[in-house]
Amino acid sequence: APNKTGGKPLMQALSQRKSSRNFVDKELSVDVLSNLLWAANGFNREDKRTAPTANDKQEVELFVALKSGVYFYDAKNTMLKLIKDGDHRKSTGSQDFVANASVNIILVADMDKASSREYAYTDCGFVAQNIYLFAASEGLGAVSRGWYDKDVLAKLLNLPSHKEVLLTQSVGIID
């Protein structure tokens, strides 16, 4: 379960928010990972999330590539569900640094649930900003990435045709 207290004040996190690409190949603690995923798009009320969505469609899902494997983030139960064993971080993007990031988050939209494609991308942006702010609050590096192969990721995640990768984001410990 995430720790929903602590962190830097919002204005301080905003002032320290930046994109970072110099990751140290070191894993995040389970507590930090749990807090990161909850901040990104967890449930902060019975049926509402930390990131807003158009018409409350909640179409954005998170997949997580760690050194140990690729997981689906089950936000309702605050747990990771293994999709594929092994280190597939380098498959999440074309830049060299993705292989060293502690975690690569793949933001996927269920287009059957989305109000529209435009709203799905907008809602994805809210989640990405939550990730950036959490990273700044914890002294971690983060960068959103659009340079990835959608087909490679769809296959890696076993996505059905109505689910689409919208963005990837690397988070980790920086030099």
N, C-alpha and C. Protein backbone atom coordinates (compact mmCIF):
# COMPACT_ATOMS: atom_id res chain seq x y z
N ALA A 1 0.84 -1.19 0.00
CA ALA A 1 0.00 0.00 0.00
C ALA A 1 0.88 1.25 0.00
N PRO A 2 0.46 2.27 -0.71
CA PRO A 2 1.26 3.49 -0.77
C PRO A 2 1.18 4.28 0.52
N ASN A 3 2.24 5.04 0.78
CA ASN A 3 2.25 5.99 1.88
C ASN A 3 1.78 7.32 1.31
N LYS A 4 0.62 7.77 1.73
CA LYS A 4 0.00 8.96 1.14
C LYS A 4 0.34 10.25 1.87
N THR A 5 1.39 10.22 2.67
CA THR A 5 1.85 11.42 3.35
C THR A 5 3.29 11.69 2.96
N GLY A 6 3.75 12.88 3.24
CA GLY A 6 5.14 13.20 2.98
C GLY A 6 5.36 13.81 1.61
N GLY A 7 6.60 13.83 1.21
CA GLY A 7 6.97 14.45 -0.05
C GLY A 7 7.15 15.94 0.12
N LYS A 8 7.67 16.56 -0.93
CA LYS A 8 7.90 18.01 -0.91
C LYS A 8 6.59 18.76 -1.13
N PRO A 9 6.51 19.99 -0.65
CA PRO A 9 5.33 20.82 -0.95
C PRO A 9 5.19 21.00 -2.47
N LEU A 10 3.97 21.17 -2.93
CA LEU A 10 3.69 21.25 -4.37
C LEU A 10 4.52 22.30 -5.08
N MET A 11 4.61 23.50 -4.55
CA MET A 11 5.35 24.57 -5.24
C MET A 11 6.83 24.23 -5.37
N GLN A 12 7.38 23.56 -4.37
CA GLN A 12 8.77 23.13 -4.45
C GLN A 12 8.94 22.03 -5.50
N ALA A 13 8.02 21.08 -5.54
CA ALA A 13 8.09 20.02 -6.55
C ALA A 13 7.96 20.61 -7.95
N LEU A 14 7.07 21.56 -8.13
CA LEU A 14 6.92 22.21 -9.43
C LEU A 14 8.20 22.93 -9.84
N SER A 15 8.84 23.59 -8.89
CA SER A 15 10.06 24.33 -9.22
C SER A 15 11.22 23.39 -9.54
N GLN A 16 11.16 22.14 -9.08
CA GLN A 16 12.24 21.19 -9.32
C GLN A 16 11.90 20.17 -10.42
N ARG A 17 10.72 20.26 -11.00
CA ARG A 17 10.31 19.34 -12.06
C ARG A 17 11.15 19.58 -13.31
N LYS A 18 11.74 18.51 -13.83
CA LYS A 18 12.55 18.61 -15.04
C LYS A 18 12.64 17.23 -15.68
N SER A 19 13.11 17.21 -16.92
CA SER A 19 13.36 15.94 -17.59
C SER A 19 14.82 15.53 -17.35
N SER A 20 15.00 14.26 -16.99
CA SER A 20 16.33 13.73 -16.70
C SER A 20 16.54 12.45 -17.50
N ARG A 21 17.76 12.26 -17.98
CA ARG A 21 18.07 11.07 -18.77
C ARG A 21 19.32 10.34 -18.28
N ASN A 22 19.94 10.82 -17.23
CA ASN A 22 21.18 10.21 -16.72
C ASN A 22 20.87 9.30 -15.54
N PHE A 23 20.34 8.13 -15.84
CA PHE A 23 19.91 7.21 -14.79
C PHE A 23 21.03 6.28 -14.36
N VAL A 24 21.04 5.97 -13.08
CA VAL A 24 21.91 4.96 -12.51
C VAL A 24 21.12 3.65 -12.53
N ASP A 25 21.73 2.57 -12.96
CA ASP A 25 21.03 1.29 -13.05
C ASP A 25 20.85 0.70 -11.66
N LYS A 26 19.88 1.24 -10.95
CA LYS A 26 19.59 0.83 -9.58
C LYS A 26 18.08 0.79 -9.40
N GLU A 27 17.60 -0.21 -8.70
CA GLU A 27 16.17 -0.38 -8.51
C GLU A 27 15.63 0.56 -7.43
N LEU A 28 14.37 0.95 -7.60
CA LEU A 28 13.67 1.71 -6.57
C LEU A 28 13.22 0.75 -5.49
N SER A 29 13.10 1.24 -4.27
CA SER A 29 12.56 0.39 -3.21
C SER A 29 11.08 0.10 -3.52
N VAL A 30 10.56 -0.95 -2.96
CA VAL A 30 9.16 -1.31 -3.15
C VAL A 30 8.26 -0.17 -2.69
N ASP A 31 8.62 0.48 -1.58
CA ASP A 31 7.82 1.59 -1.06
C ASP A 31 7.77 2.75 -2.04
N VAL A 32 8.92 3.13 -2.60
CA VAL A 32 8.97 4.24 -3.54
C VAL A 32 8.20 3.88 -4.81
N LEU A 33 8.36 2.66 -5.30
CA LEU A 33 7.63 2.23 -6.49
C LEU A 33 6.12 2.26 -6.24
N SER A 34 5.69 1.77 -5.11
CA SER A 34 4.27 1.79 -4.76
C SER A 34 3.73 3.21 -4.72
N ASN A 35 4.48 4.10 -4.08
CA ASN A 35 4.06 5.51 -4.00
C ASN A 35 4.02 6.16 -5.37
N LEU A 36 5.02 5.86 -6.21
CA LEU A 36 5.08 6.41 -7.56
C LEU A 36 3.85 6.01 -8.37
N LEU A 37 3.53 4.73 -8.38
CA LEU A 37 2.40 4.26 -9.18
C LEU A 37 1.07 4.78 -8.65
N TRP A 38 0.95 4.84 -7.33
CA TRP A 38 -0.28 5.41 -6.77
C TRP A 38 -0.41 6.89 -7.15
N ALA A 39 0.68 7.64 -7.02
CA ALA A 39 0.64 9.06 -7.40
C ALA A 39 0.30 9.23 -8.87
N ALA A 40 0.83 8.34 -9.70
CA ALA A 40 0.59 8.43 -11.15
C ALA A 40 -0.88 8.28 -11.49
N ASN A 41 -1.50 7.21 -11.02
CA ASN A 41 -2.88 6.95 -11.42
C ASN A 41 -3.57 5.97 -10.49
N GLY A 42 -3.30 6.11 -9.19
CA GLY A 42 -3.95 5.24 -8.22
C GLY A 42 -5.31 5.77 -7.82
N PHE A 43 -5.95 5.03 -6.96
CA PHE A 43 -7.27 5.45 -6.46
C PHE A 43 -7.09 6.26 -5.18
N ASN A 44 -7.58 7.50 -5.19
CA ASN A 44 -7.51 8.34 -3.99
C ASN A 44 -8.88 8.45 -3.31
N ARG A 45 -9.88 7.88 -3.91
CA ARG A 45 -11.23 7.72 -3.35
C ARG A 45 -11.74 6.38 -3.82
N GLU A 46 -12.87 5.95 -3.31
CA GLU A 46 -13.38 4.61 -3.65
C GLU A 46 -13.34 4.31 -5.15
N ASP A 47 -13.81 5.26 -5.96
CA ASP A 47 -13.90 5.01 -7.40
C ASP A 47 -13.29 6.12 -8.25
N LYS A 48 -12.44 6.94 -7.66
CA LYS A 48 -11.80 8.05 -8.37
C LYS A 48 -10.29 7.95 -8.23
N ARG A 49 -9.59 8.54 -9.20
CA ARG A 49 -8.14 8.39 -9.27
C ARG A 49 -7.40 9.71 -9.01
N THR A 50 -6.10 9.57 -8.88
CA THR A 50 -5.26 10.75 -8.65
C THR A 50 -5.15 11.61 -9.90
N ALA A 51 -5.41 11.05 -11.07
CA ALA A 51 -5.39 11.81 -12.33
C ALA A 51 -6.82 11.86 -12.89
N PRO A 52 -7.25 13.03 -13.31
CA PRO A 52 -8.61 13.15 -13.87
C PRO A 52 -8.69 12.53 -15.26
N THR A 53 -9.92 12.19 -15.66
CA THR A 53 -10.16 11.73 -17.03
C THR A 53 -11.47 12.34 -17.54
N ALA A 54 -11.52 12.56 -18.84
CA ALA A 54 -12.73 13.11 -19.45
C ALA A 54 -13.90 12.17 -19.23
N ASN A 55 -15.00 12.71 -18.76
CA ASN A 55 -16.22 11.95 -18.51
C ASN A 55 -16.00 10.77 -17.56
N ASP A 56 -14.96 10.86 -16.74
CA ASP A 56 -14.63 9.82 -15.75
C ASP A 56 -14.50 8.44 -16.38
N LYS A 57 -13.91 8.37 -17.57
CA LYS A 57 -13.78 7.09 -18.28
C LYS A 57 -12.65 6.22 -17.72
N GLN A 58 -11.65 6.82 -17.11
CA GLN A 58 -10.55 6.08 -16.49
C GLN A 58 -9.96 5.04 -17.43
N GLU A 59 -9.66 5.50 -18.65
CA GLU A 59 -9.17 4.59 -19.69
C GLU A 59 -7.67 4.36 -19.68
N VAL A 60 -6.92 5.13 -18.91
CA VAL A 60 -5.46 5.01 -18.91
C VAL A 60 -5.03 3.91 -17.94
N GLU A 61 -4.22 3.00 -18.47
CA GLU A 61 -3.67 1.90 -17.68
C GLU A 61 -2.15 2.02 -17.68
N LEU A 62 -1.54 1.52 -16.63
CA LEU A 62 -0.08 1.56 -16.52
C LEU A 62 0.51 0.17 -16.57
N PHE A 63 1.54 0.03 -17.39
CA PHE A 63 2.37 -1.16 -17.41
C PHE A 63 3.76 -0.71 -16.99
N VAL A 64 4.47 -1.58 -16.30
CA VAL A 64 5.73 -1.22 -15.67
C VAL A 64 6.82 -2.20 -16.07
N ALA A 65 7.90 -1.69 -16.66
CA ALA A 65 9.05 -2.52 -16.99
C ALA A 65 10.13 -2.29 -15.95
N LEU A 66 10.41 -3.33 -15.20
CA LEU A 66 11.45 -3.33 -14.17
C LEU A 66 12.53 -4.33 -14.57
N LYS A 67 13.60 -4.35 -13.82
CA LYS A 67 14.67 -5.32 -14.07
C LYS A 67 14.14 -6.76 -13.96
N SER A 68 13.17 -6.97 -13.09
CA SER A 68 12.64 -8.32 -12.84
C SER A 68 11.58 -8.78 -13.84
N GLY A 69 10.97 -7.83 -14.56
CA GLY A 69 9.92 -8.22 -15.49
C GLY A 69 9.04 -7.06 -15.89
N VAL A 70 8.02 -7.38 -16.67
CA VAL A 70 7.03 -6.40 -17.10
C VAL A 70 5.73 -6.73 -16.38
N TYR A 71 5.11 -5.70 -15.82
CA TYR A 71 3.95 -5.89 -14.97
C TYR A 71 2.81 -4.96 -15.38
N PHE A 72 1.59 -5.38 -15.05
CA PHE A 72 0.41 -4.53 -15.15
C PHE A 72 0.16 -3.97 -13.75
N TYR A 73 -0.06 -2.66 -13.65
CA TYR A 73 -0.37 -2.05 -12.35
C TYR A 73 -1.86 -2.15 -12.11
N ASP A 74 -2.24 -2.99 -11.17
CA ASP A 74 -3.63 -3.14 -10.74
C ASP A 74 -3.87 -2.06 -9.69
N ALA A 75 -4.36 -0.92 -10.13
CA ALA A 75 -4.50 0.25 -9.25
C ALA A 75 -5.51 0.00 -8.14
N LYS A 76 -6.56 -0.72 -8.43
CA LYS A 76 -7.61 -0.96 -7.42
C LYS A 76 -7.05 -1.71 -6.22
N ASN A 77 -6.15 -2.65 -6.49
CA ASN A 77 -5.58 -3.47 -5.41
C ASN A 77 -4.15 -3.08 -5.07
N THR A 78 -3.66 -1.99 -5.66
CA THR A 78 -2.28 -1.51 -5.49
C THR A 78 -1.27 -2.65 -5.53
N MET A 79 -1.29 -3.36 -6.66
CA MET A 79 -0.35 -4.46 -6.82
C MET A 79 0.08 -4.57 -8.28
N LEU A 80 1.23 -5.19 -8.48
CA LEU A 80 1.74 -5.45 -9.81
C LEU A 80 1.44 -6.90 -10.19
N LYS A 81 0.99 -7.08 -11.43
CA LYS A 81 0.70 -8.42 -11.94
C LYS A 81 1.69 -8.71 -13.07
N LEU A 82 2.45 -9.78 -12.93
CA LEU A 82 3.47 -10.13 -13.89
C LEU A 82 2.86 -10.44 -15.26
N ILE A 83 3.40 -9.79 -16.29
CA ILE A 83 3.02 -10.03 -17.67
C ILE A 83 4.09 -10.88 -18.36
N LYS A 84 5.36 -10.50 -18.15
CA LYS A 84 6.47 -11.20 -18.78
C LYS A 84 7.70 -11.11 -17.87
N ASP A 85 8.31 -12.25 -17.63
CA ASP A 85 9.50 -12.34 -16.79
C ASP A 85 10.72 -11.80 -17.54
N GLY A 86 11.69 -11.28 -16.79
CA GLY A 86 12.96 -10.85 -17.38
C GLY A 86 13.05 -9.35 -17.56
N ASP A 87 14.25 -8.91 -17.86
CA ASP A 87 14.52 -7.47 -18.01
C ASP A 87 14.24 -7.03 -19.45
N HIS A 88 13.15 -6.33 -19.64
CA HIS A 88 12.73 -5.84 -20.96
C HIS A 88 12.74 -4.32 -21.03
N ARG A 89 13.44 -3.68 -20.09
CA ARG A 89 13.45 -2.22 -20.07
C ARG A 89 13.92 -1.63 -21.39
N LYS A 90 14.93 -2.21 -22.01
CA LYS A 90 15.46 -1.64 -23.25
C LYS A 90 14.45 -1.72 -24.39
N SER A 91 13.46 -2.59 -24.29
CA SER A 91 12.42 -2.70 -25.33
C SER A 91 11.40 -1.58 -25.27
N THR A 92 11.45 -0.77 -24.22
CA THR A 92 10.44 0.27 -24.06
C THR A 92 10.77 1.57 -24.78
N GLY A 93 11.92 1.63 -25.44
CA GLY A 93 12.26 2.85 -26.15
C GLY A 93 13.55 2.71 -26.93
N SER A 94 13.80 3.69 -27.78
CA SER A 94 14.96 3.66 -28.67
C SER A 94 16.21 4.32 -28.08
N GLN A 95 16.07 5.06 -27.00
CA GLN A 95 17.21 5.73 -26.41
C GLN A 95 17.98 4.77 -25.50
N ASP A 96 19.30 4.94 -25.44
CA ASP A 96 20.14 4.06 -24.64
C ASP A 96 19.78 4.09 -23.16
N PHE A 97 19.39 5.24 -22.64
CA PHE A 97 19.18 5.38 -21.20
C PHE A 97 18.00 4.57 -20.66
N VAL A 98 17.08 4.13 -21.51
CA VAL A 98 15.91 3.40 -21.00
C VAL A 98 16.31 2.09 -20.34
N ALA A 99 17.42 1.51 -20.77
CA ALA A 99 17.88 0.24 -20.18
C ALA A 99 18.39 0.43 -18.76
N ASN A 100 18.76 1.66 -18.38
CA ASN A 100 19.27 1.94 -17.04
C ASN A 100 18.23 2.53 -16.09
N ALA A 101 17.11 3.00 -16.62
CA ALA A 101 16.09 3.59 -15.76
C ALA A 101 15.57 2.53 -14.79
N SER A 102 15.32 2.93 -13.56
CA SER A 102 14.80 2.00 -12.57
C SER A 102 13.49 1.39 -13.03
N VAL A 103 12.67 2.22 -13.65
CA VAL A 103 11.35 1.79 -14.13
C VAL A 103 11.01 2.55 -15.40
N ASN A 104 10.43 1.83 -16.34
CA ASN A 104 9.87 2.45 -17.53
C ASN A 104 8.37 2.18 -17.49
N ILE A 105 7.62 3.24 -17.44
CA ILE A 105 6.17 3.14 -17.35
C ILE A 105 5.59 3.32 -18.74
N ILE A 106 4.74 2.39 -19.13
CA ILE A 106 4.09 2.44 -20.43
C ILE A 106 2.63 2.80 -20.19
N LEU A 107 2.23 3.95 -20.72
CA LEU A 107 0.87 4.44 -20.54
C LEU A 107 0.03 3.98 -21.72
N VAL A 108 -1.01 3.22 -21.42
CA VAL A 108 -1.85 2.58 -22.43
C VAL A 108 -3.28 3.05 -22.22
N ALA A 109 -3.97 3.30 -23.33
CA ALA A 109 -5.38 3.68 -23.25
C ALA A 109 -6.25 2.56 -23.80
N ASP A 110 -7.31 2.28 -23.08
CA ASP A 110 -8.35 1.37 -23.57
C ASP A 110 -9.29 2.24 -24.39
N MET A 111 -9.14 2.19 -25.70
CA MET A 111 -9.90 3.07 -26.59
C MET A 111 -11.39 2.73 -26.60
N ASP A 112 -11.76 1.54 -26.16
CA ASP A 112 -13.19 1.22 -26.04
C ASP A 112 -13.83 1.99 -24.90
N LYS A 113 -13.04 2.38 -23.92
CA LYS A 113 -13.57 3.14 -22.78
C LYS A 113 -13.44 4.65 -22.98
N ALA A 114 -12.47 5.09 -23.75
CA ALA A 114 -12.16 6.52 -23.91
C ALA A 114 -13.31 7.28 -24.56
N SER A 115 -13.49 8.53 -24.13
CA SER A 115 -14.49 9.40 -24.76
C SER A 115 -14.10 9.70 -26.20
N SER A 116 -12.81 9.84 -26.45
CA SER A 116 -12.28 10.09 -27.80
C SER A 116 -10.77 9.89 -27.75
N ARG A 117 -10.16 9.80 -28.90
CA ARG A 117 -8.71 9.68 -28.98
C ARG A 117 -8.05 10.91 -28.37
N GLU A 118 -8.58 12.10 -28.67
CA GLU A 118 -8.01 13.34 -28.13
C GLU A 118 -8.07 13.36 -26.61
N TYR A 119 -9.20 12.94 -26.05
CA TYR A 119 -9.31 12.91 -24.60
C TYR A 119 -8.37 11.87 -23.99
N ALA A 120 -8.17 10.74 -24.67
CA ALA A 120 -7.26 9.73 -24.15
C ALA A 120 -5.84 10.30 -24.04
N TYR A 121 -5.41 11.03 -25.06
CA TYR A 121 -4.08 11.65 -25.00
C TYR A 121 -4.01 12.72 -23.91
N THR A 122 -5.07 13.50 -23.76
CA THR A 122 -5.11 14.51 -22.70
C THR A 122 -5.02 13.85 -21.33
N ASP A 123 -5.81 12.80 -21.13
CA ASP A 123 -5.81 12.09 -19.85
C ASP A 123 -4.46 11.46 -19.56
N CYS A 124 -3.81 10.96 -20.59
CA CYS A 124 -2.46 10.42 -20.47
C CYS A 124 -1.50 11.50 -19.96
N GLY A 125 -1.67 12.72 -20.45
CA GLY A 125 -0.83 13.83 -20.03
C GLY A 125 -0.96 14.14 -18.54
N PHE A 126 -2.18 13.98 -18.02
CA PHE A 126 -2.37 14.20 -16.57
C PHE A 126 -1.56 13.19 -15.77
N VAL A 127 -1.59 11.94 -16.20
CA VAL A 127 -0.84 10.89 -15.51
C VAL A 127 0.67 11.17 -15.60
N ALA A 128 1.12 11.54 -16.79
CA ALA A 128 2.54 11.84 -16.98
C ALA A 128 3.00 12.98 -16.07
N GLN A 129 2.17 14.00 -15.93
CA GLN A 129 2.53 15.11 -15.05
C GLN A 129 2.59 14.65 -13.59
N ASN A 130 1.67 13.79 -13.18
CA ASN A 130 1.72 13.25 -11.82
C ASN A 130 3.05 12.52 -11.59
N ILE A 131 3.49 11.78 -12.60
CA ILE A 131 4.76 11.05 -12.48
C ILE A 131 5.92 12.04 -12.33
N TYR A 132 5.92 13.07 -13.17
CA TYR A 132 6.97 14.10 -13.06
C TYR A 132 6.98 14.74 -11.67
N LEU A 133 5.82 15.09 -11.16
CA LEU A 133 5.76 15.76 -9.86
C LEU A 133 6.19 14.83 -8.73
N PHE A 134 5.79 13.57 -8.80
CA PHE A 134 6.25 12.63 -7.78
C PHE A 134 7.76 12.50 -7.83
N ALA A 135 8.31 12.35 -9.03
CA ALA A 135 9.77 12.21 -9.17
C ALA A 135 10.48 13.42 -8.58
N ALA A 136 10.00 14.63 -8.88
CA ALA A 136 10.61 15.84 -8.33
C ALA A 136 10.51 15.84 -6.81
N SER A 137 9.39 15.41 -6.30
CA SER A 137 9.17 15.39 -4.85
C SER A 137 10.10 14.42 -4.14
N GLU A 138 10.50 13.36 -4.84
CA GLU A 138 11.35 12.32 -4.25
C GLU A 138 12.82 12.44 -4.65
N GLY A 139 13.17 13.46 -5.44
CA GLY A 139 14.55 13.61 -5.88
C GLY A 139 14.95 12.59 -6.94
N LEU A 140 13.98 12.09 -7.69
CA LEU A 140 14.24 11.13 -8.76
C LEU A 140 14.24 11.85 -10.11
N GLY A 141 14.79 11.20 -11.10
CA GLY A 141 14.74 11.71 -12.45
C GLY A 141 13.56 11.10 -13.19
N ALA A 142 13.04 11.83 -14.17
CA ALA A 142 11.94 11.34 -15.00
C ALA A 142 12.00 12.01 -16.36
N VAL A 143 11.54 11.28 -17.37
CA VAL A 143 11.42 11.87 -18.70
C VAL A 143 10.32 11.13 -19.46
N SER A 144 9.44 11.89 -20.07
CA SER A 144 8.43 11.32 -20.96
C SER A 144 9.07 11.08 -22.30
N ARG A 145 8.66 9.97 -22.95
CA ARG A 145 9.30 9.61 -24.21
C ARG A 145 8.26 9.21 -25.25
N GLY A 146 8.42 9.75 -26.43
CA GLY A 146 7.58 9.38 -27.55
C GLY A 146 8.33 8.52 -28.57
N TRP A 147 9.60 8.27 -28.31
CA TRP A 147 10.43 7.51 -29.24
C TRP A 147 10.46 6.04 -28.81
N TYR A 148 9.50 5.28 -29.31
CA TYR A 148 9.35 3.86 -29.01
C TYR A 148 8.63 3.22 -30.18
N ASP A 149 8.65 1.90 -30.23
CA ASP A 149 7.97 1.16 -31.28
C ASP A 149 6.67 0.60 -30.71
N LYS A 150 5.54 1.15 -31.16
CA LYS A 150 4.23 0.72 -30.64
C LYS A 150 3.98 -0.77 -30.86
N ASP A 151 4.42 -1.29 -32.00
CA ASP A 151 4.19 -2.71 -32.28
C ASP A 151 4.98 -3.60 -31.33
N VAL A 152 6.22 -3.23 -31.06
CA VAL A 152 7.05 -4.00 -30.12
C VAL A 152 6.40 -3.99 -28.74
N LEU A 153 5.94 -2.82 -28.29
CA LEU A 153 5.33 -2.73 -26.97
C LEU A 153 3.99 -3.46 -26.91
N ALA A 154 3.19 -3.35 -27.94
CA ALA A 154 1.89 -4.05 -27.96
C ALA A 154 2.11 -5.56 -27.85
N LYS A 155 3.12 -6.06 -28.53
CA LYS A 155 3.43 -7.49 -28.47
C LYS A 155 3.97 -7.86 -27.08
N LEU A 156 4.88 -7.04 -26.55
CA LEU A 156 5.45 -7.30 -25.23
C LEU A 156 4.36 -7.35 -24.16
N LEU A 157 3.38 -6.46 -24.26
CA LEU A 157 2.32 -6.35 -23.26
C LEU A 157 1.11 -7.24 -23.57
N ASN A 158 1.14 -7.91 -24.72
CA ASN A 158 0.00 -8.73 -25.15
C ASN A 158 -1.28 -7.92 -25.22
N LEU A 159 -1.19 -6.73 -25.83
CA LEU A 159 -2.35 -5.84 -25.88
C LEU A 159 -3.35 -6.27 -26.95
N PRO A 160 -4.63 -6.25 -26.61
CA PRO A 160 -5.65 -6.47 -27.64
C PRO A 160 -5.72 -5.22 -28.53
N SER A 161 -6.38 -5.33 -29.66
CA SER A 161 -6.39 -4.25 -30.65
C SER A 161 -7.04 -2.96 -30.15
N HIS A 162 -7.92 -3.03 -29.16
CA HIS A 162 -8.58 -1.81 -28.66
C HIS A 162 -7.75 -1.07 -27.60
N LYS A 163 -6.58 -1.59 -27.28
CA LYS A 163 -5.69 -0.90 -26.34
C LYS A 163 -4.48 -0.38 -27.09
N GLU A 164 -4.10 0.87 -26.79
CA GLU A 164 -3.05 1.54 -27.55
C GLU A 164 -2.03 2.19 -26.62
N VAL A 165 -0.76 2.00 -26.93
CA VAL A 165 0.31 2.68 -26.21
C VAL A 165 0.29 4.15 -26.62
N LEU A 166 0.23 5.06 -25.62
CA LEU A 166 0.19 6.48 -25.91
C LEU A 166 1.49 7.19 -25.57
N LEU A 167 2.21 6.70 -24.57
CA LEU A 167 3.40 7.38 -24.09
C LEU A 167 4.20 6.41 -23.23
N THR A 168 5.50 6.66 -23.15
CA THR A 168 6.33 5.93 -22.21
C THR A 168 7.05 6.96 -21.34
N GLN A 169 7.40 6.57 -20.14
CA GLN A 169 8.05 7.50 -19.23
C GLN A 169 9.05 6.73 -18.38
N SER A 170 10.27 7.19 -18.39
CA SER A 170 11.33 6.59 -17.58
C SER A 170 11.45 7.35 -16.26
N VAL A 171 11.66 6.59 -15.19
CA VAL A 171 11.85 7.16 -13.86
C VAL A 171 12.98 6.40 -13.20
N GLY A 172 13.82 7.14 -12.48
CA GLY A 172 14.88 6.45 -11.78
C GLY A 172 15.80 7.34 -10.99
N ILE A 173 16.78 6.71 -10.43
CA ILE A 173 17.80 7.39 -9.65
C ILE A 173 18.78 8.01 -10.64
N ILE A 174 19.15 9.24 -10.40
CA ILE A 174 20.00 9.99 -11.34
C ILE A 174 21.38 10.23 -10.73
N ASP A 175 22.34 10.46 -11.64
CA ASP A 175 23.71 10.78 -11.23
C ASP A 175 23.74 12.06 -10.41
